[in-house]
């Protein structure tokens, strides 16, 4: 996958080529860059993101969904709307990026946004709580069999990278 270097809990050096490519392609797109910048410090619902960025609605939804799928926009709770409907707020994973190119070696030093750190910890806590609630335990004579549900996260998302690298710990 690549090497990770981290000391400060909010800073990470990313050297994995697929992750760097994902980040660079996202920030190279002007609309995605606006979306990520507007959500770096304050969680927003999708409609607020579109209005603040002054982007066309159709393409914005597609780009926002792409950023969510790739893990660069993190769900950060929900707010109640009309008729009891809840709408999800999103925050950018990174608040600051530094791209270093030395010969053919590219690395990205990224600072996690405070909101994203809290949102990820909250998601992990909810997964753990839901995981323990969903366990089905059947006992036999001398042992117990525990059946669990598989939690699926897209392979091209930043979240498995963060978990595997030990950046986020359970």
Protein backbone atom coordinates (compact mmCIF):
# COMPACT_ATOMS: atom_id res chain seq x y z
CA UNK A 1 0.00 0.00 0.00
CA UNK A 2 2.67 2.53 0.84
CA UNK A 3 4.18 4.07 3.89
CA UNK A 4 2.58 6.22 6.52
CA UNK A 5 4.39 8.58 8.79
CA UNK A 6 2.49 10.20 11.60
CA UNK A 7 3.23 11.72 14.96
CA UNK A 8 0.74 14.50 15.44
CA UNK A 9 -2.74 12.97 15.57
CA UNK A 10 -3.97 15.49 13.01
CA UNK A 11 -1.07 15.21 10.54
CA UNK A 12 -0.35 12.30 8.25
CA UNK A 13 2.14 11.78 5.44
CA UNK A 14 0.63 9.74 2.64
CA UNK A 15 2.99 7.94 0.26
CA UNK A 16 0.58 5.36 -1.18
CA UNK A 17 0.26 6.10 -4.91
CA UNK A 18 -3.46 5.16 -5.28
CA UNK A 19 -4.45 7.39 -2.35
CA UNK A 20 -2.30 10.28 -3.60
CA UNK A 21 -3.89 9.90 -7.04
CA UNK A 22 -7.37 9.96 -5.49
CA UNK A 23 -6.56 13.12 -3.51
CA UNK A 24 -4.87 14.91 -6.44
CA UNK A 25 -7.69 14.11 -8.88
CA UNK A 26 -10.27 15.36 -6.38
CA UNK A 27 -8.47 18.62 -5.64
CA UNK A 28 -7.64 19.16 -9.34
CA UNK A 29 -11.37 19.40 -10.10
CA UNK A 30 -12.35 23.02 -9.35
CA UNK A 31 -15.88 22.12 -8.25
CA UNK A 32 -14.73 19.32 -5.94
CA UNK A 33 -12.06 21.63 -4.53
CA UNK A 34 -14.73 24.26 -3.74
CA UNK A 35 -16.87 21.61 -2.06
CA UNK A 36 -13.96 20.35 0.05
CA UNK A 37 -12.84 23.86 1.00
CA UNK A 38 -16.34 24.97 2.04
CA UNK A 39 -16.72 21.90 4.29
CA UNK A 40 -13.20 21.89 5.76
CA UNK A 41 -14.09 23.74 8.96
CA UNK A 42 -17.87 23.53 9.20
CA UNK A 43 -20.16 20.54 8.57
CA UNK A 44 -22.92 21.33 6.07
CA UNK A 45 -25.88 19.61 4.47
CA UNK A 46 -25.68 19.00 0.72
CA UNK A 47 -28.08 21.79 -0.21
CA UNK A 48 -26.03 24.32 1.82
CA UNK A 49 -22.83 23.09 0.15
CA UNK A 50 -24.33 23.59 -3.31
CA UNK A 51 -25.65 27.06 -2.44
CA UNK A 52 -22.39 28.19 -0.79
CA UNK A 53 -20.32 26.98 -3.76
CA UNK A 54 -22.77 28.43 -6.30
CA UNK A 55 -22.58 25.29 -8.43
CA UNK A 56 -25.18 23.62 -10.69
CA UNK A 57 -27.29 21.17 -8.69
CA UNK A 58 -27.08 18.08 -10.92
CA UNK A 59 -23.31 17.98 -11.34
CA UNK A 60 -22.81 18.99 -7.69
CA UNK A 61 -24.78 16.01 -6.40
CA UNK A 62 -22.68 13.70 -8.59
CA UNK A 63 -19.43 15.26 -7.38
CA UNK A 64 -20.50 15.29 -3.72
CA UNK A 65 -21.49 11.61 -3.96
CA UNK A 66 -18.10 10.83 -5.50
CA UNK A 67 -16.32 12.61 -2.62
CA UNK A 68 -18.46 10.73 -0.08
CA UNK A 69 -17.77 7.38 -1.78
CA UNK A 70 -14.03 8.10 -1.80
CA UNK A 71 -14.01 9.06 1.87
CA UNK A 72 -12.97 12.68 1.35
CA UNK A 73 -16.35 13.92 2.65
CA UNK A 74 -17.37 12.34 5.95
CA UNK A 75 -20.93 12.20 7.35
CA UNK A 76 -21.05 14.29 10.53
CA UNK A 77 -24.42 13.70 12.13
CA UNK A 78 -27.90 14.65 11.04
CA UNK A 79 -30.18 17.62 11.52
CA UNK A 80 -33.98 17.47 11.63
CA UNK A 81 -35.89 19.07 8.76
CA UNK A 82 -39.56 19.50 7.92
CA UNK A 83 -41.97 16.64 8.48
CA UNK A 84 -39.56 14.73 10.74
CA UNK A 85 -37.08 14.05 7.96
CA UNK A 86 -33.39 14.05 8.93
CA UNK A 87 -30.66 15.34 6.62
CA UNK A 88 -26.99 14.34 6.90
CA UNK A 89 -24.26 16.95 7.39
CA UNK A 90 -20.85 16.40 5.80
CA UNK A 91 -17.35 17.62 6.63
CA UNK A 92 -14.14 17.41 4.57
CA UNK A 93 -11.60 14.83 5.73
CA UNK A 94 -8.67 17.23 5.36
CA UNK A 95 -8.40 20.90 6.24
CA UNK A 96 -4.96 21.38 4.71
CA UNK A 97 -2.74 19.55 2.20
CA UNK A 98 0.92 19.92 1.33
CA UNK A 99 2.12 18.13 -1.82
CA UNK A 100 5.83 17.29 -2.01
CA UNK A 101 7.52 16.14 -5.22
CA UNK A 102 11.16 15.08 -5.05
CA UNK A 103 12.35 13.55 -8.34
CA UNK A 104 9.76 10.81 -8.98
CA UNK A 105 8.69 10.50 -5.35
CA UNK A 106 5.38 12.17 -4.48
CA UNK A 107 4.00 12.48 -0.96
CA UNK A 108 1.11 14.37 0.58
CA UNK A 109 1.19 15.77 4.09
CA UNK A 110 -2.40 16.17 5.17
CA UNK A 111 -3.95 17.74 8.25
CA UNK A 112 -7.21 16.13 9.31
CA UNK A 113 -10.02 18.53 9.95
CA UNK A 114 -11.17 18.50 13.55
CA UNK A 115 -14.75 17.85 12.46
CA UNK A 116 -13.70 14.82 10.40
CA UNK A 117 -11.79 13.30 13.32
CA UNK A 118 -14.81 13.63 15.58
CA UNK A 119 -17.15 12.32 12.87
CA UNK A 120 -14.97 9.26 12.21
CA UNK A 121 -14.72 8.44 15.91
CA UNK A 122 -18.49 8.83 16.22
CA UNK A 123 -19.06 6.51 13.22
CA UNK A 124 -16.69 3.93 14.68
CA UNK A 125 -18.42 4.10 18.05
CA UNK A 126 -21.83 3.65 16.38
CA UNK A 127 -20.54 0.67 14.35
CA UNK A 128 -19.20 -0.96 17.51
CA UNK A 129 -22.45 -0.36 19.41
CA UNK A 130 -24.55 -1.62 16.48
CA UNK A 131 -22.19 -4.56 16.03
CA UNK A 132 -22.70 -5.73 19.62
CA UNK A 133 -26.46 -5.26 19.32
CA UNK A 134 -26.63 -7.29 16.09
CA UNK A 135 -24.68 -10.28 17.38
CA UNK A 136 -26.73 -13.44 17.48
CA UNK A 137 -25.49 -15.80 20.15
CA UNK A 138 -26.57 -19.44 20.31
CA UNK A 139 -25.17 -21.60 23.03
CA UNK A 140 -24.30 -25.25 22.79
CA UNK A 141 -22.99 -27.54 25.51
CA UNK A 142 -19.48 -26.20 26.10
CA UNK A 143 -19.11 -23.29 23.69
CA UNK A 144 -20.90 -20.38 22.08
CA UNK A 145 -21.20 -19.64 18.38
CA UNK A 146 -21.35 -15.96 17.52
CA UNK A 147 -22.68 -14.88 14.11
CA UNK A 148 -21.90 -11.36 12.98
CA UNK A 149 -22.74 -9.12 10.05
CA UNK A 150 -20.08 -7.98 7.62
CA UNK A 151 -19.58 -4.21 7.50
CA UNK A 152 -18.80 -3.14 3.94
CA UNK A 153 -16.75 -0.07 3.07
CA UNK A 154 -15.83 0.69 -0.56
CA UNK A 155 -12.26 -0.37 -1.43
CA UNK A 156 -11.37 2.99 -2.95
CA UNK A 157 -12.38 4.87 0.20
CA UNK A 158 -9.93 6.64 2.51
CA UNK A 159 -11.43 4.99 5.61
CA UNK A 160 -9.79 1.51 5.25
CA UNK A 161 -6.51 3.28 4.54
CA UNK A 162 -6.85 5.26 7.77
CA UNK A 163 -7.81 2.19 9.80
CA UNK A 164 -5.07 -0.02 8.33
CA UNK A 165 -2.42 2.65 8.80
CA UNK A 166 -3.29 2.97 12.48
CA UNK A 167 -4.22 6.61 12.06
CA UNK A 168 -7.63 5.84 13.48
CA UNK A 169 -7.65 3.31 16.29
CA UNK A 170 -10.61 1.53 17.84
